[in-house]
Amino acid sequence: MDLTFRENRRNKIHPWKFALWASCASILMMFAALTSAYVVRKAAGNWLEFPLPNIFIISAVVMVASSVVLHFSYVNFKKGNEAMYKMLLIIGALLGFSFLILQYQGWLALTDMGVFLDGNPAGSFIYAISGLHAAHVLGGIGVLGMALLHAFGLKYKVTEKRKIRFELTLTYWHFVDVLWIYLLVFLLMQ
């Protein structure tokens, strides 16, 4: 009886992972609604056509690089390579912060082009979509900050709890990465 209980428990998703996936699903639905509203509003007319600044493409490259670096930080964490794990964690967090700086530069490029938040609906959608995404990345940077505190504040030890926390961090970070790629491709195709 005890063995059956443990086998059943092993096959279930961890509650923290389930909560994160549910949160990611709701975030995805919000952005699906925003991109749907974008398409509907664009079809209504009075739409300003302008090229998306290239800085947004650069920010996508930085975001993908941060995901790759954080993945290898996790691999090194599990392998016991403490120095590489910590170094890659710092680099990944810095790349995430760089993404936010690049987003801000993208908004400055939009204003230089005469596209303002309170102007034409086309610009308002770009600011809203990229701003909401940046807010979710900022939340991810907060989580990376906690990961850095654990990395440098606690004695290095690979435990199941730490692995799960790191996996949750990676899952969220990869999610906002893939979300930005989707949003960027959507905006470039419009």
C-alpha atoms as a PDB file:
ATOM      1  CA  MET A   1       0.000   0.000   0.000  1.00  0.00           C
ATOM      2  CA  ASP A   2       2.767   2.415   0.896  1.00  0.00           C
ATOM      3  CA  LEU A   3       4.598   1.623  -2.368  1.00  0.00           C
ATOM      4  CA  THR A   4       1.472   2.376  -4.437  1.00  0.00           C
ATOM      5  CA  PHE A   5       1.034   5.721  -2.663  1.00  0.00           C
ATOM      6  CA  ARG A   6       4.655   6.708  -3.426  1.00  0.00           C
ATOM      7  CA  GLU A   7       4.315   5.619  -7.077  1.00  0.00           C
ATOM      8  CA  ASN A   8       1.151   7.687  -7.485  1.00  0.00           C
ATOM      9  CA  ARG A   9       2.801  10.674  -5.881  1.00  0.00           C
ATOM     10  CA  ARG A  10       5.810  10.381  -8.175  1.00  0.00           C
ATOM     11  CA  ASN A  11       3.625  10.649 -11.275  1.00  0.00           C
ATOM     12  CA  LYS A  12       1.923  13.876 -10.231  1.00  0.00           C
ATOM     13  CA  ILE A  13       3.092  17.361 -11.082  1.00  0.00           C
ATOM     14  CA  HIS A  14       4.612  19.372  -8.258  1.00  0.00           C
ATOM     15  CA  PRO A  15       2.059  21.942  -6.962  1.00  0.00           C
ATOM     16  CA  TRP A  16       4.469  24.836  -7.529  1.00  0.00           C
ATOM     17  CA  LYS A  17       4.961  23.751 -11.134  1.00  0.00           C
ATOM     18  CA  PHE A  18       1.215  23.457 -11.635  1.00  0.00           C
ATOM     19  CA  ALA A  19       0.698  26.959 -10.217  1.00  0.00           C
ATOM     20  CA  LEU A  20       3.378  28.373 -12.509  1.00  0.00           C
ATOM     21  CA  TRP A  21       1.919  26.692 -15.600  1.00  0.00           C
ATOM     22  CA  ALA A  22      -1.553  27.982 -14.686  1.00  0.00           C
ATOM     23  CA  SER A  23      -0.104  31.482 -14.319  1.00  0.00           C
ATOM     24  CA  CYS A  24       1.708  31.208 -17.638  1.00  0.00           C
ATOM     25  CA  ALA A  25      -1.535  30.087 -19.291  1.00  0.00           C
ATOM     26  CA  SER A  26      -3.370  33.152 -17.978  1.00  0.00           C
ATOM     27  CA  ILE A  27      -0.555  35.451 -19.133  1.00  0.00           C
ATOM     28  CA  LEU A  28      -0.641  33.798 -22.547  1.00  0.00           C
ATOM     29  CA  MET A  29      -4.395  34.348 -22.752  1.00  0.00           C
ATOM     30  CA  MET A  30      -3.938  38.034 -21.892  1.00  0.00           C
ATOM     31  CA  PHE A  31      -1.429  38.477 -24.714  1.00  0.00           C
ATOM     32  CA  ALA A  32      -3.622  36.467 -27.114  1.00  0.00           C
ATOM     33  CA  ALA A  33      -6.450  38.878 -26.296  1.00  0.00           C
ATOM     34  CA  LEU A  34      -4.174  41.876 -26.867  1.00  0.00           C
ATOM     35  CA  THR A  35      -2.938  40.603 -30.220  1.00  0.00           C
ATOM     36  CA  SER A  36      -6.514  39.764 -31.250  1.00  0.00           C
ATOM     37  CA  ALA A  37      -7.625  43.274 -30.281  1.00  0.00           C
ATOM     38  CA  TYR A  38      -4.694  44.631 -32.300  1.00  0.00           C
ATOM     39  CA  VAL A  39      -5.893  42.797 -35.425  1.00  0.00           C
ATOM     40  CA  VAL A  40      -9.511  43.896 -34.941  1.00  0.00           C
ATOM     41  CA  ARG A  41      -8.581  47.536 -34.275  1.00  0.00           C
ATOM     42  CA  LYS A  42      -6.212  47.644 -37.242  1.00  0.00           C
ATOM     43  CA  ALA A  43      -9.023  46.453 -39.524  1.00  0.00           C
ATOM     44  CA  ALA A  44     -11.236  49.311 -38.288  1.00  0.00           C
ATOM     45  CA  GLY A  45      -9.028  51.895 -40.034  1.00  0.00           C
ATOM     46  CA  ASN A  46      -7.256  55.079 -38.865  1.00  0.00           C
ATOM     47  CA  TRP A  47      -4.091  53.042 -38.414  1.00  0.00           C
ATOM     48  CA  LEU A  48      -0.618  54.572 -38.540  1.00  0.00           C
ATOM     49  CA  GLU A  49       1.827  52.431 -40.530  1.00  0.00           C
ATOM     50  CA  PHE A  50       5.434  52.538 -39.336  1.00  0.00           C
ATOM     51  CA  PRO A  51       8.365  50.127 -39.183  1.00  0.00           C
ATOM     52  CA  LEU A  52       9.123  48.526 -35.852  1.00  0.00           C
ATOM     53  CA  PRO A  53      12.522  49.795 -34.629  1.00  0.00           C
ATOM     54  CA  ASN A  54      15.327  47.242 -35.057  1.00  0.00           C
ATOM     55  CA  ILE A  55      16.242  47.589 -31.383  1.00  0.00           C
ATOM     56  CA  PHE A  56      13.292  45.284 -30.623  1.00  0.00           C
ATOM     57  CA  ILE A  57      14.942  42.557 -32.728  1.00  0.00           C
ATOM     58  CA  ILE A  58      18.204  43.060 -30.838  1.00  0.00           C
ATOM     59  CA  SER A  59      16.284  42.757 -27.577  1.00  0.00           C
ATOM     60  CA  ALA A  60      14.921  39.393 -28.755  1.00  0.00           C
ATOM     61  CA  VAL A  61      18.462  38.135 -29.411  1.00  0.00           C
ATOM     62  CA  VAL A  62      19.467  39.266 -25.908  1.00  0.00           C
ATOM     63  CA  MET A  63      16.435  37.528 -24.417  1.00  0.00           C
ATOM     64  CA  VAL A  64      17.224  34.258 -26.192  1.00  0.00           C
ATOM     65  CA  ALA A  65      20.867  34.528 -25.095  1.00  0.00           C
ATOM     66  CA  SER A  66      19.744  34.990 -21.487  1.00  0.00           C
ATOM     67  CA  SER A  67      17.592  31.842 -21.703  1.00  0.00           C
ATOM     68  CA  VAL A  68      20.489  29.812 -23.081  1.00  0.00           C
ATOM     69  CA  VAL A  69      22.899  31.124 -20.438  1.00  0.00           C
ATOM     70  CA  LEU A  70      20.439  30.427 -17.618  1.00  0.00           C
ATOM     71  CA  HIS A  71      19.861  26.922 -18.929  1.00  0.00           C
ATOM     72  CA  PHE A  72      23.590  26.207 -18.773  1.00  0.00           C
ATOM     73  CA  SER A  73      23.710  27.743 -15.308  1.00  0.00           C
ATOM     74  CA  TYR A  74      21.141  25.143 -14.241  1.00  0.00           C
ATOM     75  CA  VAL A  75      23.091  22.331 -15.929  1.00  0.00           C
ATOM     76  CA  ASN A  76      26.219  23.391 -14.044  1.00  0.00           C
ATOM     77  CA  PHE A  77      24.244  23.679 -10.811  1.00  0.00           C
ATOM     78  CA  LYS A  78      23.134  20.048 -11.130  1.00  0.00           C
ATOM     79  CA  LYS A  79      26.629  18.852 -12.130  1.00  0.00           C
ATOM     80  CA  GLY A  80      28.201  20.429  -9.063  1.00  0.00           C
ATOM     81  CA  ASN A  81      30.192  23.069 -10.935  1.00  0.00           C
ATOM     82  CA  GLU A  82      29.503  25.873  -8.443  1.00  0.00           C
ATOM     83  CA  ALA A  83      31.730  28.556  -9.986  1.00  0.00           C
ATOM     84  CA  MET A  84      30.295  28.170 -13.504  1.00  0.00           C
ATOM     85  CA  TYR A  85      26.740  27.973 -12.157  1.00  0.00           C
ATOM     86  CA  LYS A  86      27.151  31.260 -10.295  1.00  0.00           C
ATOM     87  CA  MET A  87      28.937  33.037 -13.118  1.00  0.00           C
ATOM     88  CA  LEU A  88      26.304  32.029 -15.683  1.00  0.00           C
ATOM     89  CA  LEU A  89      23.514  32.999 -13.296  1.00  0.00           C
ATOM     90  CA  ILE A  90      24.988  36.502 -13.006  1.00  0.00           C
ATOM     91  CA  ILE A  91      25.411  36.781 -16.784  1.00  0.00           C
ATOM     92  CA  GLY A  92      21.840  35.579 -17.381  1.00  0.00           C
ATOM     93  CA  ALA A  93      20.449  38.132 -14.942  1.00  0.00           C
ATOM     94  CA  LEU A  94      22.514  40.911 -16.548  1.00  0.00           C
ATOM     95  CA  LEU A  95      21.228  39.911 -19.975  1.00  0.00           C
ATOM     96  CA  GLY A  96      17.673  40.021 -18.627  1.00  0.00           C
ATOM     97  CA  PHE A  97      18.266  43.508 -17.279  1.00  0.00           C
ATOM     98  CA  SER A  98      19.810  44.455 -20.642  1.00  0.00           C
ATOM     99  CA  PHE A  99      16.588  43.362 -22.314  1.00  0.00           C
ATOM    100  CA  LEU A 100      14.692  45.950 -20.283  1.00  0.00           C
ATOM    101  CA  ILE A 101      17.173  48.659 -21.243  1.00  0.00           C
ATOM    102  CA  LEU A 102      16.785  47.701 -24.897  1.00  0.00           C
ATOM    103  CA  GLN A 103      12.995  47.832 -24.577  1.00  0.00           C
ATOM    104  CA  TYR A 104      13.277  51.355 -23.194  1.00  0.00           C
ATOM    105  CA  GLN A 105      15.542  52.290 -26.103  1.00  0.00           C
ATOM    106  CA  GLY A 106      12.927  50.835 -28.439  1.00  0.00           C
ATOM    107  CA  TRP A 107      10.313  53.121 -26.910  1.00  0.00           C
ATOM    108  CA  LEU A 108      12.658  56.089 -27.346  1.00  0.00           C
ATOM    109  CA  ALA A 109      13.129  55.087 -30.997  1.00  0.00           C
ATOM    110  CA  LEU A 110       9.344  55.036 -31.400  1.00  0.00           C
ATOM    111  CA  THR A 111       9.020  58.553 -29.986  1.00  0.00           C
ATOM    112  CA  ASP A 112      11.824  59.716 -32.300  1.00  0.00           C
ATOM    113  CA  MET A 113       9.714  58.385 -35.184  1.00  0.00           C
ATOM    114  CA  GLY A 114       6.717  60.397 -33.926  1.00  0.00           C
ATOM    115  CA  VAL A 115       4.910  57.334 -32.516  1.00  0.00           C
ATOM    116  CA  PHE A 116       3.606  58.156 -29.054  1.00  0.00           C
ATOM    117  CA  LEU A 117       1.728  56.228 -26.393  1.00  0.00           C
ATOM    118  CA  ASP A 118      -1.267  58.548 -26.518  1.00  0.00           C
ATOM    119  CA  GLY A 119      -1.232  59.093 -30.275  1.00  0.00           C
ATOM    120  CA  ASN A 120      -2.530  56.712 -32.889  1.00  0.00           C
ATOM    121  CA  PRO A 121      -3.898  53.333 -31.684  1.00  0.00           C
ATOM    122  CA  ALA A 122      -1.129  51.565 -33.614  1.00  0.00           C
ATOM    123  CA  GLY A 123       1.528  53.091 -31.376  1.00  0.00           C
ATOM    124  CA  SER A 124      -0.553  52.620 -28.252  1.00  0.00           C
ATOM    125  CA  PHE A 125      -0.764  48.890 -28.939  1.00  0.00           C
ATOM    126  CA  ILE A 126       3.008  48.618 -29.431  1.00  0.00           C
ATOM    127  CA  TYR A 127       3.662  50.386 -26.129  1.00  0.00           C
ATOM    128  CA  ALA A 128       1.021  48.342 -24.307  1.00  0.00           C
ATOM    129  CA  ILE A 129       2.187  44.977 -25.645  1.00  0.00           C
ATOM    130  CA  SER A 130       5.898  45.611 -25.170  1.00  0.00           C
ATOM    131  CA  GLY A 131       5.331  47.358 -21.821  1.00  0.00           C
ATOM    132  CA  LEU A 132       3.261  44.519 -20.386  1.00  0.00           C
ATOM    133  CA  HIS A 133       5.849  42.045 -21.552  1.00  0.00           C
ATOM    134  CA  ALA A 134       8.626  44.144 -19.988  1.00  0.00           C
ATOM    135  CA  ALA A 135       6.669  44.124 -16.712  1.00  0.00           C
ATOM    136  CA  HIS A 136       6.618  40.315 -16.795  1.00  0.00           C
ATOM    137  CA  VAL A 137      10.352  40.264 -17.520  1.00  0.00           C
ATOM    138  CA  LEU A 138      10.864  42.620 -14.576  1.00  0.00           C
ATOM    139  CA  GLY A 139       9.063  40.077 -12.391  1.00  0.00           C
ATOM    140  CA  GLY A 140      11.392  37.417 -13.775  1.00  0.00           C
ATOM    141  CA  ILE A 141      14.388  39.570 -12.901  1.00  0.00           C
ATOM    142  CA  GLY A 142      13.050  39.752  -9.354  1.00  0.00           C
ATOM    143  CA  VAL A 143      12.960  35.958  -9.284  1.00  0.00           C
ATOM    144  CA  LEU A 144      16.497  35.863 -10.698  1.00  0.00           C
ATOM    145  CA  GLY A 145      17.496  38.224  -7.893  1.00  0.00           C
ATOM    146  CA  MET A 146      16.216  35.667  -5.396  1.00  0.00           C
ATOM    147  CA  ALA A 147      18.124  32.940  -7.253  1.00  0.00           C
ATOM    148  CA  LEU A 148      21.270  35.060  -6.931  1.00  0.00           C
ATOM    149  CA  LEU A 149      20.621  35.526  -3.214  1.00  0.00           C
ATOM    150  CA  HIS A 150      20.315  31.763  -2.826  1.00  0.00           C
ATOM    151  CA  ALA A 151      23.419  31.157  -4.929  1.00  0.00           C
ATOM    152  CA  PHE A 152      25.608  33.538  -2.964  1.00  0.00           C
ATOM    153  CA  GLY A 153      23.861  33.601   0.412  1.00  0.00           C
ATOM    154  CA  LEU A 154      23.390  29.903   1.046  1.00  0.00           C
ATOM    155  CA  LYS A 155      25.983  27.178   1.211  1.00  0.00           C
ATOM    156  CA  TYR A 156      26.169  25.443  -2.170  1.00  0.00           C
ATOM    157  CA  LYS A 157      24.238  22.213  -2.089  1.00  0.00           C
ATOM    158  CA  VAL A 158      22.160  20.491  -4.756  1.00  0.00           C
ATOM    159  CA  THR A 159      18.878  19.612  -3.053  1.00  0.00           C
ATOM    160  CA  GLU A 160      15.517  18.669  -4.503  1.00  0.00           C
ATOM    161  CA  LYS A 161      13.965  21.914  -3.226  1.00  0.00           C
ATOM    162  CA  ARG A 162      16.678  24.068  -4.817  1.00  0.00           C
ATOM    163  CA  LYS A 163      16.410  22.151  -8.090  1.00  0.00           C
ATOM    164  CA  ILE A 164      12.655  22.727  -8.180  1.00  0.00           C
ATOM    165  CA  ARG A 165      13.094  26.457  -7.455  1.00  0.00           C
ATOM    166  CA  PHE A 166      15.664  26.733 -10.228  1.00  0.00           C
ATOM    167  CA  GLU A 167      13.426  24.764 -12.614  1.00  0.00           C
ATOM    168  CA  LEU A 168      10.540  27.123 -11.848  1.00  0.00           C
ATOM    169  CA  THR A 169      12.781  30.112 -12.516  1.00  0.00           C
ATOM    170  CA  LEU A 170      13.912  28.614 -15.821  1.00  0.00           C
ATOM    171  CA  THR A 171      10.403  27.679 -16.872  1.00  0.00           C
ATOM    172  CA  TYR A 172       9.145  31.209 -16.307  1.00  0.00           C
ATOM    173  CA  TRP A 173      12.173  32.758 -17.988  1.00  0.00           C
ATOM    174  CA  HIS A 174      11.873  30.501 -21.045  1.00  0.00           C
ATOM    175  CA  PHE A 175       8.159  31.310 -21.145  1.00  0.00           C
ATOM    176  CA  VAL A 176       8.701  35.097 -21.280  1.00  0.00           C
ATOM    177  CA  ASP A 177      11.435  34.477 -23.859  1.00  0.00           C
ATOM    178  CA  VAL A 178       9.172  32.481 -26.183  1.00  0.00           C
ATOM    179  CA  LEU A 179       6.359  34.964 -25.533  1.00  0.00           C
ATOM    180  CA  TRP A 180       8.544  37.863 -26.695  1.00  0.00           C
ATOM    181  CA  ILE A 181       9.516  35.973 -29.853  1.00  0.00           C
ATOM    182  CA  TYR A 182       5.826  35.369 -30.598  1.00  0.00           C
ATOM    183  CA  LEU A 183       4.966  39.018 -29.953  1.00  0.00           C
ATOM    184  CA  LEU A 184       7.869  40.290 -32.040  1.00  0.00           C
ATOM    185  CA  VAL A 185       7.022  38.034 -34.988  1.00  0.00           C
ATOM    186  CA  PHE A 186       3.379  39.096 -34.687  1.00  0.00           C
ATOM    187  CA  LEU A 187       4.290  42.795 -34.695  1.00  0.00           C
ATOM    188  CA  LEU A 188       6.760  42.443 -37.566  1.00  0.00           C
ATOM    189  CA  MET A 189       4.182  40.635 -39.692  1.00  0.00           C
ATOM    190  CA  GLN A 190       1.530  43.298 -39.250  1.00  0.00           C
END
